């Protein structure tokens, strides 16, 4: 949760999004100023991260969908599609991201 009076957020990226943020914005974590709460998708647009490159975001250590509201003082990390591992379901990647085109889909055999 955001700290009272703080007007910045910490931003990180995983896998190739880390490299992208370092190249575009310098050091990590990126300390980004925001005046008011914004959605994760709006932050991605401001940072010029294509939405198709983001499957979910972590906000203060919890997996969230791109429409989650980010508040000043929060810590945010962008995760690209297809991060490997069985923890995807346990952390909630699949459930948080059903409406996102970048969601790593589980294909059913009919």
C-alpha atoms as a PDB file:
ATOM      1  CA  UNK A   1       0.000   0.000   0.000  1.00  0.00           C
ATOM      2  CA  UNK A   2       1.212   3.515  -0.743  1.00  0.00           C
ATOM      3  CA  UNK A   3       2.979   5.562   1.885  1.00  0.00           C
ATOM      4  CA  UNK A   4       1.224   8.762   2.897  1.00  0.00           C
ATOM      5  CA  UNK A   5       2.734  11.864   1.257  1.00  0.00           C
ATOM      6  CA  UNK A   6       5.021   9.906  -1.055  1.00  0.00           C
ATOM      7  CA  UNK A   7       4.693  10.820  -4.754  1.00  0.00           C
ATOM      8  CA  UNK A   8       6.900   8.139  -6.302  1.00  0.00           C
ATOM      9  CA  UNK A   9       6.716   4.447  -7.142  1.00  0.00           C
ATOM     10  CA  UNK A  10       9.489   1.891  -7.636  1.00  0.00           C
ATOM     11  CA  UNK A  11       9.347   0.122 -10.999  1.00  0.00           C
ATOM     12  CA  UNK A  12      11.138  -3.042 -12.097  1.00  0.00           C
ATOM     13  CA  UNK A  13      10.861  -5.458 -14.997  1.00  0.00           C
ATOM     14  CA  UNK A  14      11.478  -9.183 -15.237  1.00  0.00           C
ATOM     15  CA  UNK A  15      13.348 -10.985 -18.023  1.00  0.00           C
ATOM     16  CA  UNK A  16      13.644  -8.818 -21.163  1.00  0.00           C
ATOM     17  CA  UNK A  17      11.548  -6.026 -19.592  1.00  0.00           C
ATOM     18  CA  UNK A  18      14.396  -5.416 -17.122  1.00  0.00           C
ATOM     19  CA  UNK A  19      16.776  -4.809 -20.032  1.00  0.00           C
ATOM     20  CA  UNK A  20      14.193  -2.584 -21.746  1.00  0.00           C
ATOM     21  CA  UNK A  21      13.696  -0.408 -18.634  1.00  0.00           C
ATOM     22  CA  UNK A  22      17.449  -0.135 -17.993  1.00  0.00           C
ATOM     23  CA  UNK A  23      18.113   0.948 -21.581  1.00  0.00           C
ATOM     24  CA  UNK A  24      15.214   3.410 -21.719  1.00  0.00           C
ATOM     25  CA  UNK A  25      15.253   4.828 -18.177  1.00  0.00           C
ATOM     26  CA  UNK A  26      18.655   4.024 -16.615  1.00  0.00           C
ATOM     27  CA  UNK A  27      19.030   2.474 -13.192  1.00  0.00           C
ATOM     28  CA  UNK A  28      16.766  -0.114 -11.600  1.00  0.00           C
ATOM     29  CA  UNK A  29      14.641   0.285  -9.650  1.00  0.00           C
ATOM     30  CA  UNK A  30      13.235   3.126 -11.689  1.00  0.00           C
ATOM     31  CA  UNK A  31      11.865   5.753  -9.311  1.00  0.00           C
ATOM     32  CA  UNK A  32       8.909   7.254 -11.135  1.00  0.00           C
ATOM     33  CA  UNK A  33       6.839  10.202  -9.933  1.00  0.00           C
ATOM     34  CA  UNK A  34       3.056   9.985 -10.004  1.00  0.00           C
ATOM     35  CA  UNK A  35       0.650  12.584  -8.641  1.00  0.00           C
ATOM     36  CA  UNK A  36      -2.337  10.285  -8.245  1.00  0.00           C
ATOM     37  CA  UNK A  37      -3.330   6.651  -8.512  1.00  0.00           C
ATOM     38  CA  UNK A  38      -3.190   5.133 -12.013  1.00  0.00           C
ATOM     39  CA  UNK A  39      -3.894   1.763 -13.608  1.00  0.00           C
ATOM     40  CA  UNK A  40      -1.036  -0.576 -14.454  1.00  0.00           C
ATOM     41  CA  UNK A  41      -1.886  -0.260 -18.149  1.00  0.00           C
ATOM     42  CA  UNK A  42      -1.597   3.541 -17.908  1.00  0.00           C
ATOM     43  CA  UNK A  43       1.820   3.239 -16.243  1.00  0.00           C
ATOM     44  CA  UNK A  44       2.952   0.870 -19.008  1.00  0.00           C
ATOM     45  CA  UNK A  45       1.884   3.423 -21.618  1.00  0.00           C
ATOM     46  CA  UNK A  46       3.776   6.223 -19.819  1.00  0.00           C
ATOM     47  CA  UNK A  47       6.912   4.036 -19.666  1.00  0.00           C
ATOM     48  CA  UNK A  48       6.400   3.019 -23.317  1.00  0.00           C
ATOM     49  CA  UNK A  49       6.110  -0.700 -22.540  1.00  0.00           C
ATOM     50  CA  UNK A  50       3.882  -2.369 -25.168  1.00  0.00           C
ATOM     51  CA  UNK A  51       0.876  -4.019 -23.494  1.00  0.00           C
ATOM     52  CA  UNK A  52       1.439  -7.215 -25.482  1.00  0.00           C
ATOM     53  CA  UNK A  53       4.800  -7.495 -23.664  1.00  0.00           C
ATOM     54  CA  UNK A  54       3.110  -7.650 -20.235  1.00  0.00           C
ATOM     55  CA  UNK A  55       1.236 -10.631 -18.841  1.00  0.00           C
ATOM     56  CA  UNK A  56       0.780  -9.489 -15.231  1.00  0.00           C
ATOM     57  CA  UNK A  57       2.189  -7.002 -12.775  1.00  0.00           C
ATOM     58  CA  UNK A  58       3.362  -7.420  -9.217  1.00  0.00           C
ATOM     59  CA  UNK A  59       2.207  -4.628  -6.914  1.00  0.00           C
ATOM     60  CA  UNK A  60       3.779  -4.674  -3.468  1.00  0.00           C
ATOM     61  CA  UNK A  61       4.618  -8.360  -3.932  1.00  0.00           C
ATOM     62  CA  UNK A  62       1.197  -9.566  -5.123  1.00  0.00           C
ATOM     63  CA  UNK A  63       0.218 -10.590  -8.662  1.00  0.00           C
ATOM     64  CA  UNK A  64      -2.325  -8.220 -10.201  1.00  0.00           C
ATOM     65  CA  UNK A  65      -4.017  -7.677 -13.554  1.00  0.00           C
ATOM     66  CA  UNK A  66      -3.080  -4.669 -15.708  1.00  0.00           C
ATOM     67  CA  UNK A  67      -6.216  -2.804 -14.612  1.00  0.00           C
ATOM     68  CA  UNK A  68      -5.059  -2.824 -10.967  1.00  0.00           C
ATOM     69  CA  UNK A  69      -4.747   0.653  -9.436  1.00  0.00           C
ATOM     70  CA  UNK A  70      -1.208   1.716  -8.485  1.00  0.00           C
ATOM     71  CA  UNK A  71      -0.823   4.324  -5.741  1.00  0.00           C
ATOM     72  CA  UNK A  72       2.079   6.625  -4.866  1.00  0.00           C
ATOM     73  CA  UNK A  73       4.507   4.671  -2.662  1.00  0.00           C
ATOM     74  CA  UNK A  74       3.803   1.299  -4.324  1.00  0.00           C
ATOM     75  CA  UNK A  75       6.426  -1.089  -5.699  1.00  0.00           C
ATOM     76  CA  UNK A  76       5.595  -2.365  -9.194  1.00  0.00           C
ATOM     77  CA  UNK A  77       7.155  -5.014 -11.422  1.00  0.00           C
ATOM     78  CA  UNK A  78       6.136  -5.891 -14.989  1.00  0.00           C
ATOM     79  CA  UNK A  79       6.244  -9.561 -16.039  1.00  0.00           C
ATOM     80  CA  UNK A  80       6.303 -10.621 -19.702  1.00  0.00           C
ATOM     81  CA  UNK A  81       4.198 -13.485 -21.092  1.00  0.00           C
ATOM     82  CA  UNK A  82       5.431 -17.033 -20.746  1.00  0.00           C
ATOM     83  CA  UNK A  83       7.513 -16.824 -17.567  1.00  0.00           C
ATOM     84  CA  UNK A  84       8.259 -20.509 -17.014  1.00  0.00           C
ATOM     85  CA  UNK A  85       7.459 -22.605 -13.991  1.00  0.00           C
ATOM     86  CA  UNK A  86       4.632 -24.332 -12.138  1.00  0.00           C
ATOM     87  CA  UNK A  87       4.308 -21.399  -9.740  1.00  0.00           C
ATOM     88  CA  UNK A  88       2.372 -19.494 -12.447  1.00  0.00           C
ATOM     89  CA  UNK A  89      -0.909 -20.997 -11.239  1.00  0.00           C
ATOM     90  CA  UNK A  90       0.028 -20.812  -7.542  1.00  0.00           C
ATOM     91  CA  UNK A  91       0.896 -17.104  -7.796  1.00  0.00           C
ATOM     92  CA  UNK A  92      -2.305 -16.368  -9.688  1.00  0.00           C
ATOM     93  CA  UNK A  93      -0.971 -15.395 -13.135  1.00  0.00           C
ATOM     94  CA  UNK A  94      -3.691 -17.348 -14.915  1.00  0.00           C
ATOM     95  CA  UNK A  95      -6.621 -16.126 -12.816  1.00  0.00           C
ATOM     96  CA  UNK A  96      -5.611 -12.444 -12.835  1.00  0.00           C
ATOM     97  CA  UNK A  97      -5.192 -12.151 -16.554  1.00  0.00           C
ATOM     98  CA  UNK A  98      -8.010 -13.810 -18.462  1.00  0.00           C
ATOM     99  CA  UNK A  99      -8.878 -10.687 -20.496  1.00  0.00           C
ATOM    100  CA  UNK A 100      -5.286  -9.829 -21.464  1.00  0.00           C
ATOM    101  CA  UNK A 101      -4.222 -10.813 -24.987  1.00  0.00           C
ATOM    102  CA  UNK A 102      -0.700 -11.443 -23.659  1.00  0.00           C
ATOM    103  CA  UNK A 103      -1.963 -14.072 -21.212  1.00  0.00           C
ATOM    104  CA  UNK A 104      -0.170 -17.384 -21.555  1.00  0.00           C
ATOM    105  CA  UNK A 105      -3.152 -19.594 -22.448  1.00  0.00           C
ATOM    106  CA  UNK A 106      -3.702 -23.159 -21.318  1.00  0.00           C
ATOM    107  CA  UNK A 107      -4.949 -25.078 -24.328  1.00  0.00           C
ATOM    108  CA  UNK A 108      -7.569 -27.724 -23.718  1.00  0.00           C
ATOM    109  CA  UNK A 109      -7.635 -30.961 -25.655  1.00  0.00           C
ATOM    110  CA  UNK A 110     -11.150 -31.669 -26.914  1.00  0.00           C
END
